[in-house]
Amino acid sequence: MLPIMIDVKDKQVTIIGGGKVARRKLSIFLEQGANITIISPEVVDEIRVLHEEKKIVWIKREVLEDDVNEAFIVIAATNKRSVNEQVKKYSDRNQLLCVVDDGDCGNMQMVSFTQKGTFTIAVSTGGASPFLAKKLTNQLSQSFDDSFIEKLAIISSERKDIKASDLPEWEKRKLLRELSYKLEVMENE
């Protein structure tokens, strides 16, 4: 699998299932600004509250084939293997599909990640141990404090200025390369 970052703001994410795993997945997408639909006959209290607050849509029934048609991302998060497999059959081969109980069944796996400003650390164990991935993510993120994030913001601003300048391309590339070294120097100060 190819690790990438995807902007899901205003994208449709359809989650089949209403348990704790579905709640964890939806909280990630909700935080990133996705439009979320939950399809499940029953849901945990946290999902019910989000629906009542009109932060998500909850369709209170079993999944139907047409339910995933408009989804950018489909998450099969039920505790029934047969339902998760049915969701895979309903999904289009060009949709992003995560089957939470079988990472090899879909074409997408969710990784453990943390974000600080524009800085993101992500760890995947390929589904072997989500607990270990989360533990490693937390350990790695502790190496980067708020001052690093502030310095990264300065570098980002300088990068935009260089790219927008009228300098020749070779000079822009040179200055952009130097920016990465500048962050190292700033860290050692």
Protein backbone atom coordinates (compact mmCIF):
# COMPACT_ATOMS: atom_id res chain seq x y z
CA MET A 1 0.00 0.00 0.00
CA LEU A 2 1.09 3.53 -0.76
CA PRO A 3 1.09 5.94 2.20
CA ILE A 4 -0.55 9.23 1.15
CA MET A 5 -2.38 12.11 2.76
CA ILE A 6 -5.87 12.93 1.51
CA ASP A 7 -7.93 16.05 2.10
CA VAL A 8 -11.38 14.79 3.12
CA LYS A 9 -12.92 18.18 3.90
CA ASP A 10 -16.49 18.20 2.56
CA LYS A 11 -16.04 14.68 1.12
CA GLN A 12 -18.66 12.01 1.74
CA VAL A 13 -17.53 9.28 4.14
CA THR A 14 -19.98 6.44 4.70
CA ILE A 15 -19.40 4.20 7.69
CA ILE A 16 -21.26 0.92 8.00
CA GLY A 17 -21.51 0.01 11.67
CA GLY A 18 -22.40 1.82 14.85
CA GLY A 19 -20.08 0.48 17.51
CA LYS A 20 -16.93 1.74 19.20
CA VAL A 21 -14.73 1.11 16.17
CA ALA A 22 -17.12 3.06 13.95
CA ARG A 23 -17.12 5.89 16.50
CA ARG A 24 -13.31 6.02 16.54
CA LYS A 25 -13.18 6.14 12.73
CA LEU A 26 -15.88 8.78 12.44
CA SER A 27 -14.19 11.03 15.00
CA ILE A 28 -11.09 11.17 12.79
CA PHE A 29 -13.10 12.11 9.70
CA LEU A 30 -15.31 14.55 11.61
CA GLU A 31 -12.25 16.37 12.90
CA GLN A 32 -11.01 16.68 9.30
CA GLY A 33 -14.30 18.20 8.08
CA ALA A 34 -15.79 15.25 6.18
CA ASN A 35 -19.53 14.73 5.66
CA ILE A 36 -20.31 11.53 7.53
CA THR A 37 -23.15 9.07 7.19
CA ILE A 38 -23.47 6.14 9.58
CA ILE A 39 -25.56 3.17 8.49
CA SER A 40 -26.45 0.81 11.31
CA PRO A 41 -29.59 -0.44 13.06
CA GLU A 42 -28.04 0.50 16.42
CA VAL A 43 -25.29 2.91 17.49
CA VAL A 44 -23.30 3.68 20.61
CA ASP A 45 -24.40 6.72 22.61
CA GLU A 46 -21.62 8.97 21.27
CA ILE A 47 -22.81 8.43 17.68
CA ARG A 48 -26.44 9.00 18.69
CA VAL A 49 -25.47 12.34 20.28
CA LEU A 50 -23.55 13.45 17.18
CA HIS A 51 -26.62 12.62 15.08
CA GLU A 52 -28.92 14.55 17.44
CA GLU A 53 -26.51 17.52 17.22
CA LYS A 54 -26.77 17.23 13.41
CA LYS A 55 -23.01 16.72 13.05
CA ILE A 56 -23.51 13.42 11.22
CA VAL A 57 -26.30 11.56 9.45
CA TRP A 58 -27.47 8.25 10.91
CA ILE A 59 -29.53 5.89 8.78
CA LYS A 60 -31.07 3.43 11.23
CA ARG A 61 -31.12 0.15 9.29
CA GLU A 62 -28.97 -2.50 7.64
CA VAL A 63 -26.83 -1.39 4.70
CA LEU A 64 -28.25 -1.50 1.16
CA GLU A 65 -26.30 -1.60 -2.07
CA ASP A 66 -27.13 2.00 -3.04
CA ASP A 67 -25.97 3.34 0.35
CA VAL A 68 -22.32 3.57 -0.69
CA ASN A 69 -22.78 4.90 -4.24
CA GLU A 70 -21.91 8.53 -3.52
CA ALA A 71 -19.21 7.90 -0.92
CA PHE A 72 -15.64 9.01 -1.47
CA ILE A 73 -14.54 6.72 1.35
CA VAL A 74 -16.42 3.66 2.63
CA ILE A 75 -15.61 2.16 6.03
CA ALA A 76 -16.94 -1.31 6.82
CA ALA A 77 -16.84 -1.31 10.63
CA THR A 78 -19.33 -3.89 11.77
CA ASN A 79 -18.63 -6.87 14.00
CA LYS A 80 -20.14 -9.18 11.36
CA ARG A 81 -17.68 -10.49 8.78
CA SER A 82 -20.49 -11.27 6.31
CA VAL A 83 -21.76 -7.65 6.42
CA ASN A 84 -18.25 -6.26 5.93
CA GLU A 85 -17.77 -8.55 2.94
CA GLN A 86 -21.13 -7.41 1.52
CA VAL A 87 -20.03 -3.76 1.86
CA LYS A 88 -16.95 -4.63 -0.19
CA LYS A 89 -19.17 -6.07 -2.92
CA TYR A 90 -21.35 -2.94 -2.88
CA SER A 91 -18.34 -0.61 -3.19
CA ASP A 92 -17.01 0.53 -6.52
CA ARG A 93 -13.43 -0.49 -7.29
CA ASN A 94 -12.48 3.20 -7.56
CA GLN A 95 -13.79 4.12 -4.12
CA LEU A 96 -11.51 4.08 -1.12
CA LEU A 97 -12.60 1.15 1.05
CA CYS A 98 -11.42 0.27 4.55
CA VAL A 99 -12.59 -3.02 6.05
CA VAL A 100 -11.62 -2.71 9.69
CA ASP A 101 -11.47 -6.41 10.55
CA ASP A 102 -9.48 -7.39 7.45
CA GLY A 103 -6.97 -4.83 6.16
CA ASP A 104 -6.29 -6.87 3.04
CA CYS A 105 -9.98 -6.93 2.08
CA GLY A 106 -10.18 -3.22 1.18
CA ASN A 107 -7.88 -0.94 -0.76
CA MET A 108 -7.20 1.44 2.14
CA GLN A 109 -5.97 1.09 5.70
CA MET A 110 -6.14 3.79 8.31
CA VAL A 111 -2.88 4.58 10.03
CA SER A 112 -2.15 5.92 13.47
CA PHE A 113 -1.28 9.61 13.23
CA THR A 114 -0.89 12.84 15.11
CA GLN A 115 -0.85 16.38 13.81
CA LYS A 116 0.70 19.51 15.19
CA GLY A 117 0.11 22.47 12.89
CA THR A 118 1.18 21.35 9.43
CA PHE A 119 3.41 18.61 10.83
CA THR A 120 2.02 15.07 10.67
CA ILE A 121 3.53 11.85 11.95
CA ALA A 122 1.90 8.63 10.74
CA VAL A 123 2.75 5.03 11.58
CA SER A 124 1.38 1.84 10.10
CA THR A 125 2.04 -1.75 11.01
CA GLY A 126 0.02 -2.96 8.04
CA GLY A 127 -2.75 -3.98 10.41
CA ALA A 128 -0.50 -6.27 12.43
CA SER A 129 -0.79 -4.21 15.63
CA PRO A 130 -2.82 -0.98 15.76
CA PHE A 131 -1.86 -0.67 19.45
CA LEU A 132 1.86 -0.69 18.57
CA ALA A 133 1.31 1.83 15.77
CA LYS A 134 -0.41 4.21 18.21
CA LYS A 135 2.32 3.71 20.82
CA LEU A 136 5.06 4.48 18.25
CA THR A 137 3.17 7.52 16.96
CA ASN A 138 2.98 8.93 20.48
CA GLN A 139 6.66 8.23 21.14
CA LEU A 140 7.76 9.89 17.90
CA SER A 141 5.57 12.95 18.38
CA GLN A 142 7.14 13.68 21.77
CA SER A 143 10.40 14.46 19.94
CA PHE A 144 8.83 17.56 18.36
CA ASP A 145 7.82 20.39 20.67
CA ASP A 146 5.89 23.60 19.97
CA SER A 147 9.07 25.50 19.08
CA PHE A 148 9.72 23.01 16.25
CA ILE A 149 6.19 23.60 14.93
CA GLU A 150 6.71 27.38 15.09
CA LYS A 151 10.00 27.06 13.19
CA LEU A 152 8.32 24.87 10.61
CA ALA A 153 5.67 27.58 10.10
CA ILE A 154 8.44 30.13 9.43
CA ILE A 155 10.05 27.79 6.91
CA SER A 156 6.67 27.24 5.24
CA SER A 157 6.15 30.97 4.85
CA GLU A 158 9.64 31.42 3.39
CA ARG A 159 9.01 28.54 0.97
CA LYS A 160 5.85 30.22 -0.34
CA ASP A 161 7.76 33.47 -0.86
CA ILE A 162 10.51 31.70 -2.81
CA LYS A 163 8.03 29.83 -5.01
CA ALA A 164 6.13 33.06 -5.77
CA SER A 165 9.31 35.01 -6.59
CA ASP A 166 10.54 35.92 -10.06
CA LEU A 167 13.85 34.16 -9.49
CA PRO A 168 15.10 31.69 -12.11
CA GLU A 169 14.02 28.07 -11.44
CA TRP A 170 17.57 26.90 -10.67
CA GLU A 171 17.89 29.57 -7.98
CA LYS A 172 14.49 28.73 -6.49
CA ARG A 173 15.52 25.04 -6.23
CA LYS A 174 18.78 26.04 -4.54
CA LEU A 175 16.99 28.23 -2.00
CA LEU A 176 14.35 25.58 -1.33
CA ARG A 177 17.08 23.01 -0.63
CA GLU A 178 18.73 25.44 1.77
CA LEU A 179 15.46 25.82 3.68
CA SER A 180 15.55 22.22 4.85
CA TYR A 181 19.03 22.80 6.28
CA LYS A 182 17.82 26.00 7.91
CA LEU A 183 15.34 24.02 10.02
CA GLU A 184 18.17 21.78 11.25
CA VAL A 185 20.23 24.83 12.18
CA MET A 186 17.26 26.40 13.97
CA GLU A 187 16.78 23.15 15.92
CA ASN A 188 20.38 23.16 17.10
CA GLU A 189 20.26 26.77 18.35
